[in-house]
């Protein structure tokens, strides 16, 4: 029977130590690669515009994630407001960039976790969590004391630092990171961030070191491991083949990859000559064929 490793960290007192260390970071915030060094405890705002209290857009049982995540009863999604990226094609830009959401307490987040567990969700899925890692850890500690025991999913853009991921070692069960771009110039142009591939690739390697290949129960529900998401962009802007080359060379062909076809021109994408078009079936199939050619064994392929 599955037992999350964070329960042992709670019992040993290590989780409390991680919480204290994480909250200290908020005084000169470096949770993400922007390294803004603002004091969020004094209401200073950096790139993500987050302060100390978390802001949540929604929480519910979500049935639209990959099958190992959503399963039968849904993934217990807690959707945090704000983001460490500024993607011009973001489908959720009112939440990620305009701050749509409700300011809540850590106790509220713990309540959400318990509530979603009672709704029979398979896991708790923290969406855009990076800038709220201290608060998530504290909420987890409180939820454990109320009987919480579900796997934790870290649903991220993949723009992470090793230091923040080390705080999560032994706590996060399933990493669900994006691999958005292979080219730093493209990432800067379309998401407003520097050195994305460098940070992203190191983060993927660390996540894989911590949790390995995706493991599922007899019903096919994810219990632990890494599931990478890659959104194929028009005109090859994501650098899909280079991303797959990296994964084969530096990680493993047994890692689970969801190759996503659902790009559409949202937010400011219609203003861009390359992003204003939908992805074609041919563009998507070329990426799938290349992944198969490289020998990846665990591909989640969408119909197109």
Protein backbone atom coordinates (compact mmCIF):
# COMPACT_ATOMS: atom_id res chain seq x y z
CA UNK A 1 0.00 0.00 0.00
CA UNK A 2 1.31 3.45 -0.94
CA UNK A 3 2.59 5.63 1.89
CA UNK A 4 3.97 9.09 1.02
CA UNK A 5 7.50 9.74 2.25
CA UNK A 6 6.55 13.16 3.62
CA UNK A 7 4.89 11.40 6.57
CA UNK A 8 8.30 10.23 7.79
CA UNK A 9 9.71 13.73 7.37
CA UNK A 10 6.83 15.06 9.45
CA UNK A 11 7.43 12.51 12.20
CA UNK A 12 11.19 13.16 12.32
CA UNK A 13 10.81 16.95 12.46
CA UNK A 14 12.58 17.40 9.12
CA UNK A 15 9.46 18.87 7.52
CA UNK A 16 9.40 21.62 10.16
CA UNK A 17 13.05 22.41 9.39
CA UNK A 18 12.26 22.67 5.68
CA UNK A 19 9.39 25.03 6.43
CA UNK A 20 11.62 27.35 8.47
CA UNK A 21 14.28 27.34 5.77
CA UNK A 22 11.72 28.07 3.05
CA UNK A 23 10.14 30.97 4.94
CA UNK A 24 13.56 32.52 5.50
CA UNK A 25 13.96 32.66 1.73
CA UNK A 26 10.93 34.97 1.49
CA UNK A 27 12.95 37.75 3.15
CA UNK A 28 15.25 37.83 0.09
CA UNK A 29 13.20 35.80 -2.31
CA UNK A 30 15.11 33.43 -4.58
CA UNK A 31 12.53 30.67 -4.89
CA UNK A 32 12.69 30.81 -8.69
CA UNK A 33 15.49 31.61 -11.18
CA UNK A 34 14.53 35.30 -11.34
CA UNK A 35 16.19 35.71 -7.92
CA UNK A 36 14.44 39.03 -7.28
CA UNK A 37 15.77 39.19 -3.69
CA UNK A 38 12.74 41.20 -2.57
CA UNK A 39 11.46 40.96 1.00
CA UNK A 40 8.00 39.53 0.52
CA UNK A 41 7.39 39.68 4.28
CA UNK A 42 7.61 43.49 3.97
CA UNK A 43 5.17 43.55 1.04
CA UNK A 44 7.86 43.94 -1.59
CA UNK A 45 6.92 42.44 -4.95
CA UNK A 46 9.20 40.79 -7.48
CA UNK A 47 8.56 39.35 -10.93
CA UNK A 48 5.72 37.05 -9.83
CA UNK A 49 3.99 39.81 -7.77
CA UNK A 50 3.34 37.40 -4.89
CA UNK A 51 3.52 38.35 -1.22
CA UNK A 52 3.33 36.08 1.85
CA UNK A 53 -0.30 34.97 1.84
CA UNK A 54 -1.07 32.59 -1.00
CA UNK A 55 -3.57 33.54 -3.66
CA UNK A 56 -5.73 30.73 -5.06
CA UNK A 57 -7.84 30.87 -8.19
CA UNK A 58 -9.73 27.62 -7.63
CA UNK A 59 -9.65 24.17 -6.06
CA UNK A 60 -11.59 21.18 -7.32
CA UNK A 61 -11.51 17.62 -8.59
CA UNK A 62 -10.03 17.98 -12.06
CA UNK A 63 -10.68 15.30 -14.68
CA UNK A 64 -8.74 16.86 -17.55
CA UNK A 65 -5.17 15.95 -16.58
CA UNK A 66 -3.24 13.00 -18.01
CA UNK A 67 -4.89 9.62 -17.15
CA UNK A 68 -2.30 8.65 -14.49
CA UNK A 69 -2.99 11.96 -12.73
CA UNK A 70 -6.78 12.35 -13.09
CA UNK A 71 -7.63 8.66 -12.82
CA UNK A 72 -11.25 7.84 -12.06
CA UNK A 73 -12.14 10.36 -9.36
CA UNK A 74 -10.05 13.31 -10.50
CA UNK A 75 -6.93 15.13 -9.40
CA UNK A 76 -7.35 17.44 -6.40
CA UNK A 77 -6.19 20.59 -8.11
CA UNK A 78 -5.26 23.73 -6.17
CA UNK A 79 -4.64 26.45 -8.76
CA UNK A 80 -2.36 29.18 -7.45
CA UNK A 81 -2.49 32.70 -8.86
CA UNK A 82 0.56 34.47 -10.38
CA UNK A 83 3.42 32.83 -12.24
CA UNK A 84 7.18 33.00 -12.76
CA UNK A 85 6.67 33.28 -16.54
CA UNK A 86 4.90 35.68 -18.91
CA UNK A 87 3.92 33.48 -21.84
CA UNK A 88 2.32 35.52 -24.61
CA UNK A 89 0.11 32.52 -25.47
CA UNK A 90 -0.97 31.66 -21.90
CA UNK A 91 -4.49 30.25 -21.83
CA UNK A 92 -4.84 31.16 -18.15
CA UNK A 93 -3.41 34.70 -18.32
CA UNK A 94 -6.18 36.28 -16.16
CA UNK A 95 -4.90 34.06 -13.33
CA UNK A 96 -1.19 33.88 -14.08
CA UNK A 97 -0.59 37.46 -15.19
CA UNK A 98 -3.54 39.57 -14.05
CA UNK A 99 -3.73 38.15 -10.53
CA UNK A 100 -7.26 36.77 -10.64
CA UNK A 101 -7.84 34.82 -7.44
CA UNK A 102 -8.59 35.04 -3.72
CA UNK A 103 -6.04 35.69 -0.99
CA UNK A 104 -6.20 32.85 1.52
CA UNK A 105 -4.33 31.65 4.60
CA UNK A 106 -2.12 28.60 4.99
CA UNK A 107 -4.90 27.09 7.10
CA UNK A 108 -7.24 27.55 4.14
CA UNK A 109 -4.86 25.66 1.86
CA UNK A 110 -4.68 22.83 4.42
CA UNK A 111 -8.49 22.78 4.48
CA UNK A 112 -8.57 22.50 0.68
CA UNK A 113 -6.24 19.51 0.82
CA UNK A 114 -8.39 17.70 3.38
CA UNK A 115 -11.58 18.62 1.50
CA UNK A 116 -10.27 17.21 -1.78
CA UNK A 117 -9.08 14.06 -0.03
CA UNK A 118 -12.63 13.57 1.29
CA UNK A 119 -13.88 13.99 -2.30
CA UNK A 120 -11.87 10.84 -3.15
CA UNK A 121 -9.34 12.66 -5.33
CA UNK A 122 -6.29 10.54 -6.17
CA UNK A 123 -3.77 13.25 -5.29
CA UNK A 124 -3.30 16.92 -4.50
CA UNK A 125 -2.12 18.78 -7.56
CA UNK A 126 -0.40 22.12 -6.85
CA UNK A 127 -0.60 24.17 -10.06
CA UNK A 128 2.01 26.95 -10.54
CA UNK A 129 3.39 26.30 -7.05
CA UNK A 130 6.98 27.58 -7.22
CA UNK A 131 6.42 31.03 -5.69
CA UNK A 132 4.39 29.52 -2.84
CA UNK A 133 6.61 26.60 -1.82
CA UNK A 134 7.00 27.80 1.83
CA UNK A 135 3.24 28.15 2.24
CA UNK A 136 2.60 24.77 0.63
CA UNK A 137 5.01 23.06 3.02
CA UNK A 138 3.37 24.71 6.01
CA UNK A 139 -0.10 23.78 4.78
CA UNK A 140 1.06 20.19 4.30
CA UNK A 141 2.28 20.06 7.90
CA UNK A 142 -1.10 21.24 9.13
CA UNK A 143 -3.00 18.87 6.86
CA UNK A 144 -0.98 15.85 8.00
CA UNK A 145 -2.10 16.52 11.57
CA UNK A 146 -5.68 16.22 10.30
CA UNK A 147 -5.10 12.88 8.59
CA UNK A 148 -3.89 13.90 5.15
CA UNK A 149 -2.06 11.14 3.23
CA UNK A 150 -2.46 11.58 -0.56
CA UNK A 151 0.38 11.77 -3.11
CA UNK A 152 1.48 15.32 -3.93
CA UNK A 153 1.81 16.56 -7.52
CA UNK A 154 4.08 19.51 -8.33
CA UNK A 155 2.59 20.95 -11.55
CA UNK A 156 5.14 23.46 -12.80
CA UNK A 157 6.40 25.40 -15.81
CA UNK A 158 9.76 23.76 -15.18
CA UNK A 159 11.47 27.11 -14.51
CA UNK A 160 12.99 26.04 -11.20
CA UNK A 161 16.12 26.29 -9.10
CA UNK A 162 17.87 23.27 -7.63
CA UNK A 163 17.76 24.94 -4.20
CA UNK A 164 13.97 25.07 -4.19
CA UNK A 165 13.65 21.54 -5.51
CA UNK A 166 15.95 20.30 -2.74
CA UNK A 167 13.44 21.66 -0.23
CA UNK A 168 10.89 19.34 -1.84
CA UNK A 169 13.03 16.19 -1.86
CA UNK A 170 11.09 13.43 -0.12
CA UNK A 171 7.95 15.58 -0.04
CA UNK A 172 6.73 15.74 -3.63
CA UNK A 173 5.68 12.35 -4.98
CA UNK A 174 4.95 13.24 -8.61
CA UNK A 175 6.66 15.96 -10.59
CA UNK A 176 4.60 17.26 -13.52
CA UNK A 177 6.93 19.78 -15.21
CA UNK A 178 6.74 21.47 -18.58
CA UNK A 179 9.62 21.44 -20.98
CA UNK A 180 8.61 24.47 -23.01
CA UNK A 181 11.65 25.56 -25.00
CA UNK A 182 15.03 24.36 -26.20
CA UNK A 183 16.23 27.83 -27.20
CA UNK A 184 16.85 30.58 -24.59
CA UNK A 185 16.15 33.34 -27.11
CA UNK A 186 12.74 31.94 -27.94
CA UNK A 187 11.95 31.59 -24.22
CA UNK A 188 12.92 35.22 -23.61
CA UNK A 189 10.87 36.45 -26.56
CA UNK A 190 7.68 34.52 -25.84
CA UNK A 191 7.78 34.02 -22.05
CA UNK A 192 9.94 36.88 -20.78
CA UNK A 193 12.44 34.70 -18.94
CA UNK A 194 16.21 34.26 -19.16
CA UNK A 195 18.12 31.01 -19.58
CA UNK A 196 15.03 28.79 -19.53
CA UNK A 197 16.65 25.67 -21.07
CA UNK A 198 19.57 25.78 -18.61
CA UNK A 199 17.36 25.94 -15.53
CA UNK A 200 14.71 23.65 -17.00
CA UNK A 201 17.11 20.87 -17.93
CA UNK A 202 18.86 20.91 -14.56
CA UNK A 203 15.46 20.87 -12.84
CA UNK A 204 14.28 17.86 -14.84
CA UNK A 205 17.43 15.96 -13.93
CA UNK A 206 16.94 16.76 -10.24
CA UNK A 207 13.27 15.78 -10.29
CA UNK A 208 14.21 12.50 -11.93
CA UNK A 209 16.95 11.93 -9.37
CA UNK A 210 14.43 12.39 -6.58
CA UNK A 211 11.54 10.31 -7.89
CA UNK A 212 12.59 8.38 -11.03
CA UNK A 213 10.24 6.93 -13.64
CA UNK A 214 6.51 7.26 -13.12
CA UNK A 215 5.15 4.38 -11.06
CA UNK A 216 1.44 3.56 -11.03
CA UNK A 217 -0.83 1.30 -8.99
CA UNK A 218 -2.81 -1.59 -10.46
CA UNK A 219 -5.46 0.88 -11.65
CA UNK A 220 -2.89 2.94 -13.56
CA UNK A 221 -2.97 5.84 -11.09
CA UNK A 222 0.34 7.63 -10.57
CA UNK A 223 2.02 7.15 -7.20
CA UNK A 224 5.52 8.49 -7.69
CA UNK A 225 7.82 9.73 -10.44
CA UNK A 226 8.18 12.28 -13.23
CA UNK A 227 5.70 12.98 -16.02
CA UNK A 228 6.97 15.58 -18.46
CA UNK A 229 4.65 17.77 -20.48
CA UNK A 230 5.79 19.14 -23.80
CA UNK A 231 3.50 21.47 -25.75
CA UNK A 232 4.34 21.38 -29.44
CA UNK A 233 4.32 24.91 -30.89
CA UNK A 234 3.76 26.02 -34.49
CA UNK A 235 6.79 26.45 -36.76
CA UNK A 236 8.90 24.31 -34.42
CA UNK A 237 9.31 27.20 -31.98
CA UNK A 238 9.49 24.92 -28.94
CA UNK A 239 12.54 23.09 -30.29
CA UNK A 240 10.80 19.76 -29.69
CA UNK A 241 13.46 17.55 -31.27
CA UNK A 242 16.25 19.15 -29.22
CA UNK A 243 14.22 18.60 -26.04
CA UNK A 244 13.75 14.93 -26.89
CA UNK A 245 17.45 14.61 -27.72
CA UNK A 246 18.32 16.02 -24.30
CA UNK A 247 15.97 13.62 -22.49
CA UNK A 248 17.43 10.61 -24.28
CA UNK A 249 21.03 11.65 -23.67
CA UNK A 250 20.82 13.04 -20.12
CA UNK A 251 17.77 11.45 -18.49
CA UNK A 252 16.20 8.22 -19.84
CA UNK A 253 14.06 6.80 -22.63
CA UNK A 254 11.85 5.27 -19.92
CA UNK A 255 10.71 8.65 -18.59
CA UNK A 256 7.02 9.37 -19.22
CA UNK A 257 6.38 12.19 -21.70
CA UNK A 258 3.04 13.74 -22.55
CA UNK A 259 3.34 15.22 -26.04
CA UNK A 260 0.64 17.88 -26.16
CA UNK A 261 -1.17 19.03 -29.28
CA UNK A 262 -3.68 21.50 -27.88
CA UNK A 263 -1.88 24.74 -28.67
CA UNK A 264 -4.17 27.54 -29.77
CA UNK A 265 -3.48 31.29 -30.07
CA UNK A 266 -4.61 32.69 -26.71
CA UNK A 267 -3.80 35.98 -24.96
CA UNK A 268 -1.35 37.99 -27.14
CA UNK A 269 -0.46 35.17 -29.53
CA UNK A 270 -2.73 36.52 -32.26
CA UNK A 271 -0.39 39.51 -32.56
CA UNK A 272 2.53 37.23 -33.50
CA UNK A 273 3.04 36.09 -37.10
CA UNK A 274 4.15 32.60 -36.02
CA UNK A 275 1.97 31.97 -32.96
CA UNK A 276 -1.34 33.18 -34.40
CA UNK A 277 -1.90 29.84 -36.11
CA UNK A 278 -3.12 26.58 -34.62
CA UNK A 279 -0.79 23.61 -34.63
CA UNK A 280 -1.23 21.40 -37.67
CA UNK A 281 -1.61 17.59 -37.43
CA UNK A 282 1.57 17.25 -39.51
CA UNK A 283 3.62 19.39 -37.11
CA UNK A 284 2.43 17.32 -34.16
CA UNK A 285 2.98 13.97 -35.84
CA UNK A 286 6.57 14.83 -36.74
CA UNK A 287 7.37 15.25 -33.04
CA UNK A 288 5.61 12.02 -32.09
CA UNK A 289 7.42 10.12 -34.85
CA UNK A 290 10.77 11.50 -33.69
CA UNK A 291 10.09 10.45 -30.08
CA UNK A 292 9.24 6.94 -31.25
CA UNK A 293 12.37 6.87 -33.42
CA UNK A 294 14.51 7.79 -30.39
CA UNK A 295 13.07 4.82 -28.49
CA UNK A 296 10.98 6.51 -25.79
CA UNK A 297 8.89 3.79 -24.20
CA UNK A 298 6.30 5.77 -22.19
CA UNK A 299 4.64 8.32 -24.43
CA UNK A 300 1.24 9.88 -23.81
CA UNK A 301 0.08 10.80 -27.30
CA UNK A 302 -3.00 12.87 -28.03
CA UNK A 303 -5.29 12.48 -31.00
CA UNK A 304 -5.12 15.39 -33.40
